Amino acid sequence: MIDSQGEPLTRGEASATNRIMRSCENLGWLVAAVLERWPSHQPYLERSLGAHDGPALRDIDWAAAQVRRLMGDEVDTFCSHYRWMCDVFNLEALHFRRTGEYRCKTFAEAEVAVYQDQAFMEKYMDGLLLSQALWFNHARSFIGFKNRFLPMIQPGSDYLEIGPGHGLFLALAAQQPQVKSLTAWDISNESLRKTGEALRRLDVARPIQLEQRDVMAVREAGSFDAIVIAEVLEHLEAPLAALQSLTRCLRQNGRMFVNVPINSPAPDHIFLLRSPQEAADLVRAAGLRIIDESLEPMSGRTIEQAMAGKATVTCLYIAERDE
């Protein structure tokens, strides 16, 4: 859960946010902005941010700088929407604990409950932007992408991202000299419009092809050297078919970055994975061989604590075609 309740902080934890506000210009600014408007959120941020080491915090500070730019002069709005989103996630977590299931079972249900509600979506997307820096597992996904996946990309590579959202991954990929071309697909034109606007606000100068595409309907084979699908599969009714489609798009010796959470109740999550083994089996069933793996529990828990409490764990995989 994302609320302000929890175990008492240890002496080491008690100064985590203060240290961050002193040492990390942009992450510190973001933490201060949230706590000014939501002081009781500090225990959660202590546990979530206090679990990172110094190098990780420097990476997150870069992400926080992009978040800060995207927030612009709407700090009150974004912080309010972040708090609203945390409350929504708490309700979903309570439902999950009571029932053992996600609330939505089909894409049609998620579309009615979330995607067709423009006001809901605006607040949801604003909140998710802040979570990229403030939630431990979301930040660790960015760090894995930056420090493990991007260095594996070979010179002259064609890069594809599915569901680019606010464009933080795209913006970083655009800085890599070994990336020859950048393409992003989303099923929603409105989402792509928002991605394009975010990239402009981040001053991304390189051309990026934003295309409305249904990953299930892809027919191209061997078109990309690097593919990223992060926080998308749990939104699909048939994630295996989506991964198989992307595997066909991957060139020989290409790499795919897959981020999929387990036990992750959210208003628009429909496909439930209950263990890291299930997540890894999904990736392998798509015809991929996992060459790098990390498991990142929410809020800085250990993996043992997360599994015992059926808490969210982000599963990160780098994979290549199993041929």
Foldseek 3Di string as FASTA:
>chain_A
DQFLDDDDDDPLLPCQLVVCLVPQPQLNVLVVLLCVVVVSSVVLLSLFRVLDDDVLSNLLSVLSVLLPLVCPPVSVLLSVLLVVQSVQQVVQLVVCVVPVAAPDAALVQLCVQAVVPVVRPVSNLSNVSSCCRRKNQNSVLSVCCVPPVLVLQAAPWAEEEEQCRLPPSVLSSLPDRRHPAAEYEYQDPVRLVNNVVSCVSVVSPDDYHYYNDDLLPDDDFQQGQEYEYAPPLQLHNCSLSSLLSVLRNHHANGKYKYKDKALRHHSRGNDHDQDVVSVVVSNVSSQKDFDDKDKTFISSDDPVVCNVVSGMIIIITMIHGND
